[in-house]
Amino acid sequence: GWLNLLNRERAVWIGSSAGLLSALLTGLFD
């Protein structure tokens, strides 16, 4: 769903997930 509301737990979830997705995308280049 649309993540238009964050709290402390969701912040850790979205921060770590975004970091890992960035890493996986970087895998296209290295």
PDB file of all heavy atoms in Angstrom:
ATOM      1  N   GLY A   1       0.839  -1.196   0.000  1.00  0.00           N
ATOM      2  CA  GLY A   1       0.000   0.000   0.000  1.00  0.00           C
ATOM      3  C   GLY A   1       0.869   1.239   0.000  1.00  0.00           C
ATOM      4  O   GLY A   1       2.098   1.165   0.047  1.00  0.00           O
ATOM      5  N   TRP A   2       0.229   2.407  -0.082  1.00  0.00           N
ATOM      6  CA  TRP A   2       0.969   3.662  -0.046  1.00  0.00           C
ATOM      7  C   TRP A   2       1.503   3.908   1.354  1.00  0.00           C
ATOM      8  O   TRP A   2       0.756   3.912   2.325  1.00  0.00           O
ATOM      9  CB  TRP A   2       0.076   4.833  -0.461  1.00  0.00           C
ATOM     10  CG  TRP A   2      -0.503   4.726  -1.833  1.00  0.00           C
ATOM     11  CD1 TRP A   2      -1.819   4.650  -2.158  1.00  0.00           C
ATOM     12  CD2 TRP A   2       0.211   4.679  -3.069  1.00  0.00           C
ATOM     13  NE1 TRP A   2      -1.978   4.559  -3.509  1.00  0.00           N
ATOM     14  CE2 TRP A   2      -0.750   4.578  -4.100  1.00  0.00           C
ATOM     15  CE3 TRP A   2       1.564   4.714  -3.401  1.00  0.00           C
ATOM     16  CZ2 TRP A   2      -0.391   4.508  -5.443  1.00  0.00           C
ATOM     17  CZ3 TRP A   2       1.911   4.650  -4.736  1.00  0.00           C
ATOM     18  CH2 TRP A   2       0.957   4.552  -5.735  1.00  0.00           C
ATOM     19  N   LEU A   3       2.791   4.135   1.448  1.00  0.00           N
ATOM     20  CA  LEU A   3       3.416   4.312   2.764  1.00  0.00           C
ATOM     21  C   LEU A   3       3.449   5.795   3.135  1.00  0.00           C
ATOM     22  O   LEU A   3       4.512   6.404   3.272  1.00  0.00           O
ATOM     23  CB  LEU A   3       4.831   3.735   2.758  1.00  0.00           C
ATOM     24  CG  LEU A   3       4.902   2.223   2.557  1.00  0.00           C
ATOM     25  CD1 LEU A   3       6.333   1.763   2.451  1.00  0.00           C
ATOM     26  CD2 LEU A   3       4.213   1.503   3.702  1.00  0.00           C
ATOM     27  N   ASN A   4       2.252   6.383   3.275  1.00  0.00           N
ATOM     28  CA  ASN A   4       2.195   7.815   3.586  1.00  0.00           C
ATOM     29  C   ASN A   4       2.235   8.086   5.086  1.00  0.00           C
ATOM     30  O   ASN A   4       2.047   9.211   5.522  1.00  0.00           O
ATOM     31  CB  ASN A   4       0.937   8.436   2.978  1.00  0.00           C
ATOM     32  CG  ASN A   4      -0.316   7.646   3.345  1.00  0.00           C
ATOM     33  OD1 ASN A   4      -0.244   6.714   4.147  1.00  0.00           O
ATOM     34  ND2 ASN A   4      -1.437   8.003   2.762  1.00  0.00           N
ATOM     35  N   LEU A   5       2.470   7.058   5.866  1.00  0.00           N
ATOM     36  CA  LEU A   5       2.591   7.222   7.315  1.00  0.00           C
ATOM     37  C   LEU A   5       3.734   6.341   7.810  1.00  0.00           C
ATOM     38  O   LEU A   5       3.764   5.139   7.534  1.00  0.00           O
ATOM     39  CB  LEU A   5       1.287   6.837   8.015  1.00  0.00           C
ATOM     40  CG  LEU A   5       1.299   6.893   9.549  1.00  0.00           C
ATOM     41  CD1 LEU A   5       1.489   8.337  10.013  1.00  0.00           C
ATOM     42  CD2 LEU A   5       0.013   6.315  10.127  1.00  0.00           C
ATOM     43  N   LEU A   6       4.660   6.943   8.537  1.00  0.00           N
ATOM     44  CA  LEU A   6       5.774   6.184   9.095  1.00  0.00           C
ATOM     45  C   LEU A   6       5.779   6.296  10.604  1.00  0.00           C
ATOM     46  O   LEU A   6       5.341   7.284  11.176  1.00  0.00           O
ATOM     47  CB  LEU A   6       7.119   6.705   8.561  1.00  0.00           C
ATOM     48  CG  LEU A   6       7.474   6.413   7.098  1.00  0.00           C
ATOM     49  CD1 LEU A   6       8.863   6.951   6.785  1.00  0.00           C
ATOM     50  CD2 LEU A   6       7.416   4.930   6.795  1.00  0.00           C
ATOM     51  N   ASN A   7       6.269   5.245  11.253  1.00  0.00           N
ATOM     52  CA  ASN A   7       6.575   5.295  12.683  1.00  0.00           C
ATOM     53  C   ASN A   7       7.970   4.699  12.856  1.00  0.00           C
ATOM     54  O   ASN A   7       8.661   4.410  11.879  1.00  0.00           O
ATOM     55  CB  ASN A   7       5.525   4.536  13.497  1.00  0.00           C
ATOM     56  CG  ASN A   7       5.337   3.106  12.999  1.00  0.00           C
ATOM     57  OD1 ASN A   7       6.271   2.473  12.493  1.00  0.00           O
ATOM     58  ND2 ASN A   7       4.119   2.591  13.127  1.00  0.00           N
ATOM     59  N   ARG A   8       8.411   4.509  14.068  1.00  0.00           N
ATOM     60  CA  ARG A   8       9.777   4.054  14.293  1.00  0.00           C
ATOM     61  C   ARG A   8      10.030   2.682  13.686  1.00  0.00           C
ATOM     62  O   ARG A   8      11.082   2.452  13.086  1.00  0.00           O
ATOM     63  CB  ARG A   8      10.071   4.037  15.796  1.00  0.00           C
ATOM     64  CG  ARG A   8      11.488   3.634  16.145  1.00  0.00           C
ATOM     65  CD  ARG A   8      11.803   3.848  17.611  1.00  0.00           C
ATOM     66  NE  ARG A   8      11.781   5.255  17.959  1.00  0.00           N
ATOM     67  CZ  ARG A   8      12.122   5.738  19.153  1.00  0.00           C
ATOM     68  NH1 ARG A   8      12.499   4.902  20.112  1.00  0.00           N
ATOM     69  NH2 ARG A   8      12.086   7.019  19.390  1.00  0.00           N
ATOM     70  N   GLU A   9       9.077   1.756  13.822  1.00  0.00           N
ATOM     71  CA  GLU A   9       9.266   0.405  13.287  1.00  0.00           C
ATOM     72  C   GLU A   9       9.268   0.420  11.764  1.00  0.00           C
ATOM     73  O   GLU A   9      10.108  -0.207  11.110  1.00  0.00           O
ATOM     74  CB  GLU A   9       8.169  -0.521  13.798  1.00  0.00           C
ATOM     75  CG  GLU A   9       8.450  -1.998  13.563  1.00  0.00           C
ATOM     76  CD  GLU A   9       9.663  -2.485  14.351  1.00  0.00           C
ATOM     77  OE1 GLU A   9       9.652  -2.412  15.591  1.00  0.00           O
ATOM     78  OE2 GLU A   9      10.632  -2.926  13.704  1.00  0.00           O
ATOM     79  N   ARG A  10       8.326   1.146  11.190  1.00  0.00           N
ATOM     80  CA  ARG A  10       8.290   1.222   9.733  1.00  0.00           C
ATOM     81  C   ARG A  10       9.525   1.921   9.180  1.00  0.00           C
ATOM     82  O   ARG A  10       9.972   1.621   8.071  1.00  0.00           O
ATOM     83  CB  ARG A  10       7.037   1.974   9.278  1.00  0.00           C
ATOM     84  CG  ARG A  10       5.753   1.188   9.384  1.00  0.00           C
ATOM     85  CD  ARG A  10       4.634   1.970   8.750  1.00  0.00           C
ATOM     86  NE  ARG A  10       3.346   1.316   8.912  1.00  0.00           N
ATOM     87  CZ  ARG A  10       2.202   1.844   8.483  1.00  0.00           C
ATOM     88  NH1 ARG A  10       2.203   3.028   7.915  1.00  0.00           N
ATOM     89  NH2 ARG A  10       1.062   1.201   8.651  1.00  0.00           N
ATOM     90  N   ALA A  11      10.071   2.875   9.927  1.00  0.00           N
ATOM     91  CA  ALA A  11      11.258   3.594   9.456  1.00  0.00           C
ATOM     92  C   ALA A  11      12.450   2.654   9.323  1.00  0.00           C
ATOM     93  O   ALA A  11      13.196   2.721   8.337  1.00  0.00           O
ATOM     94  CB  ALA A  11      11.579   4.742  10.411  1.00  0.00           C
ATOM     95  N   VAL A  12      12.646   1.776  10.313  1.00  0.00           N
ATOM     96  CA  VAL A  12      13.743   0.801  10.207  1.00  0.00           C
ATOM     97  C   VAL A  12      13.481  -0.152   9.056  1.00  0.00           C
ATOM     98  O   VAL A  12      14.390  -0.502   8.293  1.00  0.00           O
ATOM     99  CB  VAL A  12      13.896   0.029  11.537  1.00  0.00           C
ATOM    100  CG1 VAL A  12      14.944  -1.075  11.402  1.00  0.00           C
ATOM    101  CG2 VAL A  12      14.275   0.985  12.669  1.00  0.00           C
ATOM    102  N   TRP A  13      12.223  -0.561   8.900  1.00  0.00           N
ATOM    103  CA  TRP A  13      11.857  -1.475   7.810  1.00  0.00           C
ATOM    104  C   TRP A  13      12.144  -0.852   6.450  1.00  0.00           C
ATOM    105  O   TRP A  13      12.803  -1.460   5.604  1.00  0.00           O
ATOM    106  CB  TRP A  13      10.380  -1.845   7.933  1.00  0.00           C
ATOM    107  CG  TRP A  13       9.831  -2.493   6.705  1.00  0.00           C
ATOM    108  CD1 TRP A  13       9.977  -3.790   6.318  1.00  0.00           C
ATOM    109  CD2 TRP A  13       9.074  -1.853   5.680  1.00  0.00           C
ATOM    110  NE1 TRP A  13       9.349  -4.001   5.119  1.00  0.00           N
ATOM    111  CE2 TRP A  13       8.780  -2.829   4.710  1.00  0.00           C
ATOM    112  CE3 TRP A  13       8.602  -0.549   5.505  1.00  0.00           C
ATOM    113  CZ2 TRP A  13       8.047  -2.529   3.565  1.00  0.00           C
ATOM    114  CZ3 TRP A  13       7.866  -0.254   4.364  1.00  0.00           C
ATOM    115  CH2 TRP A  13       7.601  -1.238   3.413  1.00  0.00           C
ATOM    116  N   ILE A  14      11.663   0.371   6.224  1.00  0.00           N
ATOM    117  CA  ILE A  14      11.825   0.977   4.902  1.00  0.00           C
ATOM    118  C   ILE A  14      13.279   1.370   4.667  1.00  0.00           C
ATOM    119  O   ILE A  14      13.789   1.268   3.550  1.00  0.00           O
ATOM    120  CB  ILE A  14      10.882   2.186   4.730  1.00  0.00           C
ATOM    121  CG1 ILE A  14      10.770   2.562   3.245  1.00  0.00           C
ATOM    122  CG2 ILE A  14      11.330   3.382   5.538  1.00  0.00           C
ATOM    123  CD1 ILE A  14      10.090   1.544   2.394  1.00  0.00           C
ATOM    124  N   GLY A  15      13.990   1.812   5.716  1.00  0.00           N
ATOM    125  CA  GLY A  15      15.391   2.196   5.546  1.00  0.00           C
ATOM    126  C   GLY A  15      16.273   1.024   5.167  1.00  0.00           C
ATOM    127  O   GLY A  15      17.084   1.113   4.239  1.00  0.00           O
ATOM    128  N   SER A  16      16.120  -0.092   5.864  1.00  0.00           N
ATOM    129  CA  SER A  16      16.937  -1.274   5.554  1.00  0.00           C
ATOM    130  C   SER A  16      16.536  -1.885   4.216  1.00  0.00           C
ATOM    131  O   SER A  16      17.395  -2.322   3.442  1.00  0.00           O
ATOM    132  CB  SER A  16      16.820  -2.310   6.680  1.00  0.00           C
ATOM    133  OG  SER A  16      15.460  -2.623   6.925  1.00  0.00           O
ATOM    134  N   SER A  17      15.241  -1.896   3.907  1.00  0.00           N
ATOM    135  CA  SER A  17      14.783  -2.449   2.634  1.00  0.00           C
ATOM    136  C   SER A  17      15.269  -1.612   1.460  1.00  0.00           C
ATOM    137  O   SER A  17      15.696  -2.150   0.432  1.00  0.00           O
ATOM    138  CB  SER A  17      13.251  -2.533   2.613  1.00  0.00           C
ATOM    139  OG  SER A  17      12.775  -3.347   3.666  1.00  0.00           O
ATOM    140  N   ALA A  18      15.217  -0.280   1.607  1.00  0.00           N
ATOM    141  CA  ALA A  18      15.694   0.603   0.539  1.00  0.00           C
ATOM    142  C   ALA A  18      17.191   0.434   0.335  1.00  0.00           C
ATOM    143  O   ALA A  18      17.681   0.445  -0.808  1.00  0.00           O
ATOM    144  CB  ALA A  18      15.359   2.054   0.874  1.00  0.00           C
ATOM    145  N   GLY A  19      17.943   0.269   1.422  1.00  0.00           N
ATOM    146  CA  GLY A  19      19.379   0.055   1.293  1.00  0.00           C
ATOM    147  C   GLY A  19      19.688  -1.228   0.544  1.00  0.00           C
ATOM    148  O   GLY A  19      20.575  -1.265  -0.323  1.00  0.00           O
ATOM    149  N   LEU A  20      18.951  -2.292   0.852  1.00  0.00           N
ATOM    150  CA  LEU A  20      19.222  -3.566   0.183  1.00  0.00           C
ATOM    151  C   LEU A  20      18.796  -3.516  -1.285  1.00  0.00           C
ATOM    152  O   LEU A  20      19.472  -4.071  -2.155  1.00  0.00           O
ATOM    153  CB  LEU A  20      18.515  -4.708   0.900  1.00  0.00           C
ATOM    154  CG  LEU A  20      19.154  -6.061   0.592  1.00  0.00           C
ATOM    155  CD1 LEU A  20      20.436  -6.240   1.401  1.00  0.00           C
ATOM    156  CD2 LEU A  20      18.216  -7.202   0.879  1.00  0.00           C
ATOM    157  N   LEU A  21      17.673  -2.859  -1.578  1.00  0.00           N
ATOM    158  CA  LEU A  21      17.262  -2.715  -2.975  1.00  0.00           C
ATOM    159  C   LEU A  21      18.294  -1.919  -3.763  1.00  0.00           C
ATOM    160  O   LEU A  21      18.586  -2.229  -4.921  1.00  0.00           O
ATOM    161  CB  LEU A  21      15.895  -2.043  -3.049  1.00  0.00           C
ATOM    162  CG  LEU A  21      14.686  -2.916  -2.729  1.00  0.00           C
ATOM    163  CD1 LEU A  21      13.422  -2.072  -2.661  1.00  0.00           C
ATOM    164  CD2 LEU A  21      14.524  -4.023  -3.771  1.00  0.00           C
ATOM    165  N   SER A  22      18.859  -0.878  -3.133  1.00  0.00           N
ATOM    166  CA  SER A  22      19.920  -0.107  -3.791  1.00  0.00           C
ATOM    167  C   SER A  22      21.118  -1.000  -4.087  1.00  0.00           C
ATOM    168  O   SER A  22      21.732  -0.914  -5.167  1.00  0.00           O
ATOM    169  CB  SER A  22      20.351   1.060  -2.904  1.00  0.00           C
ATOM    170  OG  SER A  22      19.281   1.946  -2.652  1.00  0.00           O
ATOM    171  N   ALA A  23      21.451  -1.872  -3.141  1.00  0.00           N
ATOM    172  CA  ALA A  23      22.571  -2.786  -3.341  1.00  0.00           C
ATOM    173  C   ALA A  23      22.297  -3.743  -4.497  1.00  0.00           C
ATOM    174  O   ALA A  23      23.177  -4.017  -5.321  1.00  0.00           O
ATOM    175  CB  ALA A  23      22.850  -3.560  -2.055  1.00  0.00           C
ATOM    176  N   LEU A  24      21.078  -4.265  -4.560  1.00  0.00           N
ATOM    177  CA  LEU A  24      20.737  -5.199  -5.633  1.00  0.00           C
ATOM    178  C   LEU A  24      20.772  -4.509  -6.994  1.00  0.00           C
ATOM    179  O   LEU A  24      21.224  -5.099  -7.988  1.00  0.00           O
ATOM    180  CB  LEU A  24      19.362  -5.810  -5.374  1.00  0.00           C
ATOM    181  CG  LEU A  24      19.286  -6.797  -4.206  1.00  0.00           C
ATOM    182  CD1 LEU A  24      17.843  -7.176  -3.907  1.00  0.00           C
ATOM    183  CD2 LEU A  24      20.114  -8.044  -4.487  1.00  0.00           C
ATOM    184  N   LEU A  25      20.312  -3.264  -7.057  1.00  0.00           N
ATOM    185  CA  LEU A  25      20.394  -2.526  -8.313  1.00  0.00           C
ATOM    186  C   LEU A  25      21.845  -2.257  -8.694  1.00  0.00           C
ATOM    187  O   LEU A  25      22.215  -2.313  -9.869  1.00  0.00           O
ATOM    188  CB  LEU A  25      19.623  -1.210  -8.195  1.00  0.00           C
ATOM    189  CG  LEU A  25      18.110  -1.302  -8.328  1.00  0.00           C
ATOM    190  CD1 LEU A  25      17.458   0.049  -8.057  1.00  0.00           C
ATOM    191  CD2 LEU A  25      17.705  -1.806  -9.716  1.00  0.00           C
ATOM    192  N   THR A  26      22.670  -1.964  -7.685  1.00  0.00           N
ATOM    193  CA  THR A  26      24.097  -1.768  -7.948  1.00  0.00           C
ATOM    194  C   THR A  26      24.712  -3.032  -8.535  1.00  0.00           C
ATOM    195  O   THR A  26      25.684  -2.968  -9.295  1.00  0.00           O
ATOM    196  CB  THR A  26      24.825  -1.379  -6.648  1.00  0.00           C
ATOM    197  OG1 THR A  26      24.191  -0.246  -6.069  1.00  0.00           O
ATOM    198  CG2 THR A  26      26.281  -1.036  -6.904  1.00  0.00           C
ATOM    199  N   GLY A  27      24.134  -4.177  -8.198  1.00  0.00           N
ATOM    200  CA  GLY A  27      24.617  -5.437  -8.739  1.00  0.00           C
ATOM    201  C   GLY A  27      24.531  -5.536 -10.249  1.00  0.00           C
ATOM    202  O   GLY A  27      25.196  -6.379 -10.860  1.00  0.00           O
ATOM    203  N   LEU A  28      23.715  -4.677 -10.886  1.00  0.00           N
ATOM    204  CA  LEU A  28      23.673  -4.645 -12.347  1.00  0.00           C
ATOM    205  C   LEU A  28      24.959  -4.077 -12.924  1.00  0.00           C
ATOM    206  O   LEU A  28      25.290  -4.325 -14.091  1.00  0.00           O
ATOM    207  CB  LEU A  28      22.482  -3.803 -12.825  1.00  0.00           C
ATOM    208  CG  LEU A  28      21.089  -4.341 -12.463  1.00  0.00           C
ATOM    209  CD1 LEU A  28      20.023  -3.313 -12.813  1.00  0.00           C
ATOM    210  CD2 LEU A  28      20.813  -5.664 -13.175  1.00  0.00           C
ATOM    211  N   PHE A  29      25.682  -3.294 -12.119  1.00  0.00           N
ATOM    212  CA  PHE A  29      26.887  -2.621 -12.594  1.00  0.00           C
ATOM    213  C   PHE A  29      28.172  -3.221 -12.028  1.00  0.00           C
ATOM    214  O   PHE A  29      29.248  -2.975 -12.554  1.00  0.00           O
ATOM    215  CB  PHE A  29      26.840  -1.132 -12.219  1.00  0.00           C
ATOM    216  CG  PHE A  29      25.567  -0.444 -12.634  1.00  0.00           C
ATOM    217  CD1 PHE A  29      24.539  -0.245 -11.726  1.00  0.00           C
ATOM    218  CD2 PHE A  29      25.405  -0.008 -13.933  1.00  0.00           C
ATOM    219  CE1 PHE A  29      23.372   0.392 -12.108  1.00  0.00           C
ATOM    220  CE2 PHE A  29      24.237   0.628 -14.330  1.00  0.00           C
ATOM    221  CZ  PHE A  29      23.213   0.822 -13.411  1.00  0.00           C
ATOM    222  N   ASP A  30      28.062  -3.957 -10.926  1.00  0.00           N
ATOM    223  CA  ASP A  30      29.258  -4.532 -10.315  1.00  0.00           C
ATOM    224  C   ASP A  30      28.890  -5.793  -9.554  1.00  0.00           C
ATOM    225  O   ASP A  30      27.708  -6.107  -9.385  1.00  0.00           O
ATOM    226  CB  ASP A  30      29.945  -3.522  -9.398  1.00  0.00           C
ATOM    227  CG  ASP A  30      31.457  -3.523  -9.602  1.00  0.00           C
ATOM    228  OD1 ASP A  30      32.020  -4.628  -9.746  1.00  0.00           O
ATOM    229  OD2 ASP A  30      32.067  -2.443  -9.614  1.00  0.00           O
TER     230      ASP A  30
END
